Amino acid sequence: MKYEVHIGLKNGQSYTFFVIASSKDEIINHIINKHGNGWYHFVTKEYVRYQVLKNEIIGIGISMNGEEVQEYESKFENL
């Protein structure tokens, strides 16, 4: 499945990119995995290749799929 991922860094910069993965947990584990080197590599939506130190990442956001959006919106319909 294709996910849109947003990461925020300690210096205030944020980046958005796409990842193909089987689950959101797989994405998060890959980003914060401490067993590899200390760098995380990605290509932004604007086709710029970046590498950032993993310990500089302070936030990770992952887009919802269609079912998750419907479930989220249905929580507010009955308020």
N, C-alpha and C. Protein backbone atom coordinates (compact mmCIF):
# COMPACT_ATOMS: atom_id res chain seq x y z
N MET A 1 0.84 -1.17 0.00
CA MET A 1 0.00 0.00 0.00
C MET A 1 0.89 1.26 0.00
N LYS A 2 0.44 2.28 -0.65
CA LYS A 2 1.19 3.53 -0.75
C LYS A 2 0.72 4.49 0.36
N TYR A 3 1.67 5.02 1.13
CA TYR A 3 1.37 5.96 2.21
C TYR A 3 2.11 7.27 1.99
N GLU A 4 1.48 8.34 2.39
CA GLU A 4 2.14 9.64 2.42
C GLU A 4 2.67 9.83 3.83
N VAL A 5 3.96 10.11 3.96
CA VAL A 5 4.61 10.21 5.26
C VAL A 5 5.11 11.64 5.44
N HIS A 6 4.95 12.14 6.66
CA HIS A 6 5.44 13.47 7.03
C HIS A 6 6.37 13.30 8.22
N ILE A 7 7.56 13.88 8.13
CA ILE A 7 8.45 13.85 9.29
C ILE A 7 8.82 15.28 9.66
N GLY A 8 8.95 15.51 10.95
CA GLY A 8 9.37 16.80 11.47
C GLY A 8 10.70 16.64 12.19
N LEU A 9 11.56 17.63 12.03
CA LEU A 9 12.88 17.58 12.63
C LEU A 9 13.00 18.58 13.78
N LYS A 10 13.99 18.37 14.62
CA LYS A 10 14.23 19.25 15.77
C LYS A 10 14.43 20.71 15.34
N ASN A 11 14.99 20.93 14.16
CA ASN A 11 15.28 22.29 13.71
C ASN A 11 14.05 22.99 13.11
N GLY A 12 12.89 22.32 13.14
CA GLY A 12 11.67 22.93 12.64
C GLY A 12 11.33 22.59 11.20
N GLN A 13 12.24 21.99 10.48
CA GLN A 13 11.95 21.61 9.09
C GLN A 13 11.04 20.40 9.07
N SER A 14 10.23 20.30 8.01
CA SER A 14 9.39 19.12 7.83
C SER A 14 9.43 18.71 6.37
N TYR A 15 9.22 17.42 6.14
CA TYR A 15 9.31 16.86 4.81
C TYR A 15 8.14 15.90 4.59
N THR A 16 7.71 15.80 3.34
CA THR A 16 6.64 14.89 2.95
C THR A 16 7.13 14.02 1.80
N PHE A 17 6.85 12.72 1.90
CA PHE A 17 7.28 11.80 0.86
C PHE A 17 6.36 10.58 0.87
N PHE A 18 6.46 9.76 -0.16
CA PHE A 18 5.64 8.56 -0.29
C PHE A 18 6.47 7.31 0.01
N VAL A 19 5.81 6.33 0.62
CA VAL A 19 6.44 5.06 0.95
C VAL A 19 5.47 3.94 0.58
N ILE A 20 5.99 2.87 0.04
CA ILE A 20 5.18 1.68 -0.18
C ILE A 20 5.55 0.68 0.91
N ALA A 21 4.53 0.28 1.67
CA ALA A 21 4.75 -0.63 2.79
C ALA A 21 3.49 -1.43 3.04
N SER A 22 3.62 -2.50 3.80
CA SER A 22 2.46 -3.33 4.11
C SER A 22 1.65 -2.78 5.27
N SER A 23 2.27 -1.92 6.10
CA SER A 23 1.55 -1.35 7.25
C SER A 23 2.23 -0.08 7.73
N LYS A 24 1.51 0.68 8.52
CA LYS A 24 2.08 1.89 9.12
C LYS A 24 3.17 1.53 10.12
N ASP A 25 2.97 0.43 10.84
CA ASP A 25 3.99 -0.01 11.79
C ASP A 25 5.31 -0.31 11.09
N GLU A 26 5.24 -0.88 9.90
CA GLU A 26 6.45 -1.16 9.13
C GLU A 26 7.20 0.13 8.82
N ILE A 27 6.47 1.17 8.46
CA ILE A 27 7.09 2.47 8.15
C ILE A 27 7.77 3.04 9.39
N ILE A 28 7.04 3.07 10.49
CA ILE A 28 7.60 3.64 11.72
C ILE A 28 8.82 2.85 12.17
N ASN A 29 8.74 1.53 12.15
CA ASN A 29 9.88 0.71 12.54
C ASN A 29 11.08 0.96 11.65
N HIS A 30 10.85 1.14 10.37
CA HIS A 30 11.95 1.40 9.44
C HIS A 30 12.60 2.76 9.73
N ILE A 31 11.80 3.76 10.04
CA ILE A 31 12.35 5.09 10.30
C ILE A 31 13.14 5.12 11.60
N ILE A 32 12.60 4.51 12.65
CA ILE A 32 13.27 4.64 13.95
C ILE A 32 14.19 3.47 14.28
N ASN A 33 14.34 2.51 13.36
CA ASN A 33 15.20 1.36 13.59
C ASN A 33 16.60 1.81 13.98
N LYS A 34 17.03 1.43 15.16
CA LYS A 34 18.35 1.82 15.66
C LYS A 34 19.45 0.84 15.24
N HIS A 35 19.08 -0.31 14.63
CA HIS A 35 20.07 -1.32 14.28
C HIS A 35 20.86 -0.95 13.04
N GLY A 36 20.28 -0.13 12.17
CA GLY A 36 21.00 0.31 10.99
C GLY A 36 21.89 1.48 11.35
N ASN A 37 22.34 2.19 10.33
CA ASN A 37 23.15 3.37 10.63
C ASN A 37 22.24 4.47 11.16
N GLY A 38 22.78 5.57 11.57
CA GLY A 38 22.02 6.64 12.19
C GLY A 38 21.31 7.56 11.22
N TRP A 39 21.32 7.23 9.94
CA TRP A 39 20.73 8.09 8.91
C TRP A 39 19.46 7.47 8.35
N TYR A 40 18.48 8.33 8.05
CA TYR A 40 17.27 7.90 7.34
C TYR A 40 17.25 8.60 5.99
N HIS A 41 17.04 7.85 4.92
CA HIS A 41 17.06 8.37 3.55
C HIS A 41 15.65 8.35 2.97
N PHE A 42 15.31 9.39 2.22
CA PHE A 42 14.01 9.44 1.56
C PHE A 42 14.07 10.43 0.41
N VAL A 43 13.07 10.33 -0.47
CA VAL A 43 12.94 11.26 -1.60
C VAL A 43 11.60 11.97 -1.43
N THR A 44 11.62 13.29 -1.43
CA THR A 44 10.40 14.07 -1.21
C THR A 44 9.49 14.04 -2.43
N LYS A 45 8.28 14.58 -2.23
CA LYS A 45 7.32 14.68 -3.33
C LYS A 45 7.86 15.52 -4.47
N GLU A 46 8.83 16.39 -4.17
CA GLU A 46 9.44 17.25 -5.20
C GLU A 46 10.67 16.58 -5.82
N TYR A 47 10.87 15.29 -5.55
CA TYR A 47 11.96 14.50 -6.10
C TYR A 47 13.34 14.98 -5.66
N VAL A 48 13.44 15.38 -4.40
CA VAL A 48 14.73 15.74 -3.81
C VAL A 48 15.11 14.64 -2.83
N ARG A 49 16.32 14.10 -2.97
CA ARG A 49 16.78 13.03 -2.08
C ARG A 49 17.42 13.65 -0.84
N TYR A 50 16.96 13.20 0.33
CA TYR A 50 17.49 13.70 1.60
C TYR A 50 17.99 12.54 2.44
N GLN A 51 18.89 12.86 3.34
CA GLN A 51 19.24 11.95 4.41
C GLN A 51 19.31 12.80 5.68
N VAL A 52 18.67 12.31 6.72
CA VAL A 52 18.65 13.04 8.00
C VAL A 52 19.06 12.08 9.09
N LEU A 53 19.66 12.62 10.13
CA LEU A 53 20.00 11.80 11.29
C LEU A 53 18.71 11.37 11.98
N LYS A 54 18.60 10.09 12.26
CA LYS A 54 17.38 9.58 12.88
C LYS A 54 17.09 10.26 14.22
N ASN A 55 18.14 10.61 14.97
CA ASN A 55 17.90 11.23 16.27
C ASN A 55 17.45 12.69 16.16
N GLU A 56 17.39 13.23 14.94
CA GLU A 56 16.88 14.58 14.71
C GLU A 56 15.38 14.58 14.41
N ILE A 57 14.81 13.39 14.17
CA ILE A 57 13.39 13.28 13.85
C ILE A 57 12.59 13.32 15.15
N ILE A 58 11.65 14.28 15.22
CA ILE A 58 10.83 14.39 16.43
C ILE A 58 9.36 14.09 16.19
N GLY A 59 8.96 13.97 14.93
CA GLY A 59 7.56 13.68 14.63
C GLY A 59 7.42 12.90 13.35
N ILE A 60 6.47 11.93 13.36
CA ILE A 60 6.18 11.13 12.17
C ILE A 60 4.67 11.11 12.00
N GLY A 61 4.21 11.53 10.82
CA GLY A 61 2.79 11.46 10.50
C GLY A 61 2.60 10.60 9.27
N ILE A 62 1.55 9.78 9.27
CA ILE A 62 1.29 8.88 8.14
C ILE A 62 -0.16 9.04 7.73
N SER A 63 -0.38 9.22 6.42
CA SER A 63 -1.73 9.44 5.91
C SER A 63 -2.65 8.27 6.23
N MET A 64 -3.94 8.59 6.36
CA MET A 64 -4.96 7.56 6.59
C MET A 64 -5.41 7.00 5.24
N ASN A 65 -5.83 5.73 5.24
CA ASN A 65 -6.42 5.18 4.03
C ASN A 65 -7.91 5.49 4.03
N GLY A 66 -8.61 5.14 2.96
CA GLY A 66 -10.03 5.47 2.82
C GLY A 66 -10.89 4.96 3.95
N GLU A 67 -10.68 3.72 4.37
CA GLU A 67 -11.46 3.14 5.47
C GLU A 67 -11.22 3.89 6.77
N GLU A 68 -9.98 4.26 7.03
CA GLU A 68 -9.65 4.98 8.27
C GLU A 68 -10.29 6.36 8.28
N VAL A 69 -10.32 7.01 7.12
CA VAL A 69 -10.96 8.33 7.03
C VAL A 69 -12.44 8.22 7.32
N GLN A 70 -13.11 7.23 6.73
CA GLN A 70 -14.54 7.04 6.97
C GLN A 70 -14.82 6.75 8.44
N GLU A 71 -14.01 5.91 9.05
CA GLU A 71 -14.18 5.58 10.47
C GLU A 71 -13.99 6.83 11.33
N TYR A 72 -12.96 7.62 11.01
CA TYR A 72 -12.67 8.84 11.76
C TYR A 72 -13.83 9.84 11.64
N GLU A 73 -14.32 10.03 10.42
CA GLU A 73 -15.42 10.98 10.20
C GLU A 73 -16.71 10.51 10.85
N SER A 74 -16.94 9.21 10.88
CA SER A 74 -18.17 8.70 11.48
C SER A 74 -18.21 8.95 12.98
N LYS A 75 -17.08 9.09 13.62
CA LYS A 75 -17.04 9.39 15.06
C LYS A 75 -17.67 10.76 15.35
N PHE A 76 -17.59 11.68 14.39
CA PHE A 76 -18.05 13.04 14.61
C PHE A 76 -19.46 13.28 14.08
N GLU A 77 -20.00 12.34 13.31
CA GLU A 77 -21.33 12.51 12.75
C GLU A 77 -22.41 12.50 13.83
N ASN A 78 -22.18 11.80 14.90
CA ASN A 78 -23.20 11.66 15.94
C ASN A 78 -23.03 12.63 17.10
N LEU A 79 -22.16 13.58 16.96
CA LEU A 79 -21.94 14.56 18.05
C LEU A 79 -22.93 15.67 18.00
